[in-house]
Amino acid sequence: MTESSPEYMTRSEGMEIRRAQQITNERLAIVEHEQQGQKTTLAEILAEVRKGQSLRSMFIAGGSAMGGSVVAGLAYFLHWLSQ
C-alpha cells in the first residue's frame, strides 16, 4: 500500500461517476429510440422493395442500414469514452 493511491472513493467522486453514467445511459436510450424508428422505416421500405423490386427503394434501404450502423457505432464510441 502506498499513500498516493487511496483505496476508497469519496462521496462526491461516487456521485460524479453515477451522474456521468446516468448521462451516458440517457444518451444511449435516445439513440436506441431513434434506431427503433429507423428499424420501423427500414421494415416498411423493405416491404416495398419486396413488392416492387424498385432500384430506388433498394438504395434507400441500403442507406438506412448504413445510417443505423453509423449511429450504433457512435453510441458505442460515446459509451466507450465514458468508461
C-alpha atoms as a PDB file:
ATOM      1  CA  MET A   1       0.000   0.000   0.000  1.00  0.00           C
ATOM      2  CA  THR A   2       1.217   3.439  -0.859  1.00  0.00           C
ATOM      3  CA  GLU A   3      -0.147   6.718   0.367  1.00  0.00           C
ATOM      4  CA  SER A   4      -0.515   8.095  -3.166  1.00  0.00           C
ATOM      5  CA  SER A   5      -3.193   5.581  -4.146  1.00  0.00           C
ATOM      6  CA  PRO A   6      -6.181   5.715  -1.807  1.00  0.00           C
ATOM      7  CA  GLU A   7      -8.302   2.585  -1.633  1.00  0.00           C
ATOM      8  CA  TYR A   8     -11.575   4.392  -1.223  1.00  0.00           C
ATOM      9  CA  MET A   9     -13.754   6.748  -3.184  1.00  0.00           C
ATOM     10  CA  THR A  10     -15.203   9.897  -1.724  1.00  0.00           C
ATOM     11  CA  ARG A  11     -18.931  10.510  -1.820  1.00  0.00           C
ATOM     12  CA  SER A  12     -18.521  13.369  -4.310  1.00  0.00           C
ATOM     13  CA  GLU A  13     -16.418  11.197  -6.623  1.00  0.00           C
ATOM     14  CA  GLY A  14     -19.031   8.472  -6.475  1.00  0.00           C
ATOM     15  CA  MET A  15     -21.817  10.939  -7.211  1.00  0.00           C
ATOM     16  CA  GLU A  16     -19.844  12.338 -10.149  1.00  0.00           C
ATOM     17  CA  ILE A  17     -19.339   8.859 -11.590  1.00  0.00           C
ATOM     18  CA  ARG A  18     -23.019   7.980 -11.131  1.00  0.00           C
ATOM     19  CA  ARG A  19     -24.076  11.239 -12.835  1.00  0.00           C
ATOM     20  CA  ALA A  20     -21.753  10.574 -15.786  1.00  0.00           C
ATOM     21  CA  GLN A  21     -23.160   7.059 -16.062  1.00  0.00           C
ATOM     22  CA  GLN A  22     -26.716   8.413 -15.919  1.00  0.00           C
ATOM     23  CA  ILE A  23     -25.966  10.897 -18.729  1.00  0.00           C
ATOM     24  CA  THR A  24     -24.467   8.105 -20.830  1.00  0.00           C
ATOM     25  CA  ASN A  25     -27.490   5.885 -20.198  1.00  0.00           C
ATOM     26  CA  GLU A  26     -29.837   8.716 -21.190  1.00  0.00           C
ATOM     27  CA  ARG A  27     -27.907   9.267 -24.426  1.00  0.00           C
ATOM     28  CA  LEU A  28     -27.979   5.553 -25.200  1.00  0.00           C
ATOM     29  CA  ALA A  29     -31.735   5.475 -24.586  1.00  0.00           C
ATOM     30  CA  ILE A  30     -32.195   8.325 -27.072  1.00  0.00           C
ATOM     31  CA  VAL A  31     -30.057   6.543 -29.667  1.00  0.00           C
ATOM     32  CA  GLU A  32     -31.938   3.275 -29.129  1.00  0.00           C
ATOM     33  CA  HIS A  33     -35.246   5.115 -29.561  1.00  0.00           C
ATOM     34  CA  GLU A  34     -34.022   6.675 -32.804  1.00  0.00           C
ATOM     35  CA  GLN A  35     -32.785   3.289 -34.007  1.00  0.00           C
ATOM     36  CA  GLN A  36     -36.198   1.758 -33.327  1.00  0.00           C
ATOM     37  CA  GLY A  37     -37.776   4.412 -35.547  1.00  0.00           C
ATOM     38  CA  GLN A  38     -35.203   3.679 -38.242  1.00  0.00           C
ATOM     39  CA  LYS A  39     -35.896  -0.041 -37.981  1.00  0.00           C
ATOM     40  CA  THR A  40     -39.603   0.593 -38.492  1.00  0.00           C
ATOM     41  CA  THR A  41     -38.908   2.787 -41.509  1.00  0.00           C
ATOM     42  CA  LEU A  42     -36.478   0.237 -42.900  1.00  0.00           C
ATOM     43  CA  ALA A  43     -39.007  -2.563 -42.472  1.00  0.00           C
ATOM     44  CA  GLU A  44     -41.578  -0.528 -44.407  1.00  0.00           C
ATOM     45  CA  ILE A  45     -39.070   0.189 -47.163  1.00  0.00           C
ATOM     46  CA  LEU A  46     -38.049  -3.456 -47.348  1.00  0.00           C
ATOM     47  CA  ALA A  47     -41.694  -4.470 -47.657  1.00  0.00           C
ATOM     48  CA  GLU A  48     -41.998  -2.096 -50.634  1.00  0.00           C
ATOM     49  CA  VAL A  49     -38.783  -3.448 -52.138  1.00  0.00           C
ATOM     50  CA  ARG A  50     -40.071  -6.998 -51.901  1.00  0.00           C
ATOM     51  CA  LYS A  51     -43.299  -5.957 -53.587  1.00  0.00           C
ATOM     52  CA  GLY A  52     -41.936  -3.864 -56.412  1.00  0.00           C
ATOM     53  CA  GLN A  53     -38.205  -4.545 -56.508  1.00  0.00           C
ATOM     54  CA  SER A  54     -37.599  -0.872 -57.307  1.00  0.00           C
ATOM     55  CA  LEU A  55     -33.988   0.252 -57.523  1.00  0.00           C
ATOM     56  CA  ARG A  56     -34.786   3.496 -55.702  1.00  0.00           C
ATOM     57  CA  SER A  57     -36.230   1.607 -52.725  1.00  0.00           C
ATOM     58  CA  MET A  58     -33.188  -0.656 -52.624  1.00  0.00           C
ATOM     59  CA  PHE A  59     -30.859   2.347 -52.397  1.00  0.00           C
ATOM     60  CA  ILE A  60     -32.990   3.881 -49.643  1.00  0.00           C
ATOM     61  CA  ALA A  61     -32.957   0.620 -47.690  1.00  0.00           C
ATOM     62  CA  GLY A  62     -29.183   0.313 -48.044  1.00  0.00           C
ATOM     63  CA  GLY A  63     -28.682   3.921 -46.959  1.00  0.00           C
ATOM     64  CA  SER A  64     -30.916   3.426 -43.944  1.00  0.00           C
ATOM     65  CA  ALA A  65     -28.936   0.365 -42.907  1.00  0.00           C
ATOM     66  CA  MET A  66     -25.659   2.247 -43.231  1.00  0.00           C
ATOM     67  CA  GLY A  67     -27.061   5.191 -41.254  1.00  0.00           C
ATOM     68  CA  GLY A  68     -28.217   2.896 -38.479  1.00  0.00           C
ATOM     69  CA  SER A  69     -24.781   1.301 -38.362  1.00  0.00           C
ATOM     70  CA  VAL A  70     -23.134   4.718 -38.058  1.00  0.00           C
ATOM     71  CA  VAL A  71     -25.479   5.702 -35.212  1.00  0.00           C
ATOM     72  CA  ALA A  72     -24.839   2.403 -33.426  1.00  0.00           C
ATOM     73  CA  GLY A  73     -21.082   2.880 -33.834  1.00  0.00           C
ATOM     74  CA  LEU A  74     -21.316   6.416 -32.489  1.00  0.00           C
ATOM     75  CA  ALA A  75     -23.313   5.241 -29.473  1.00  0.00           C
ATOM     76  CA  TYR A  76     -20.724   2.550 -28.769  1.00  0.00           C
ATOM     77  CA  PHE A  77     -17.918   5.099 -29.127  1.00  0.00           C
ATOM     78  CA  LEU A  78     -19.600   7.535 -26.711  1.00  0.00           C
ATOM     79  CA  HIS A  79     -20.165   4.703 -24.255  1.00  0.00           C
ATOM     80  CA  TRP A  80     -16.515   3.674 -24.600  1.00  0.00           C
ATOM     81  CA  LEU A  81     -15.372   7.265 -23.958  1.00  0.00           C
ATOM     82  CA  SER A  82     -17.423   7.479 -20.786  1.00  0.00           C
ATOM     83  CA  GLN A  83     -15.760   4.396 -19.304  1.00  0.00           C
END
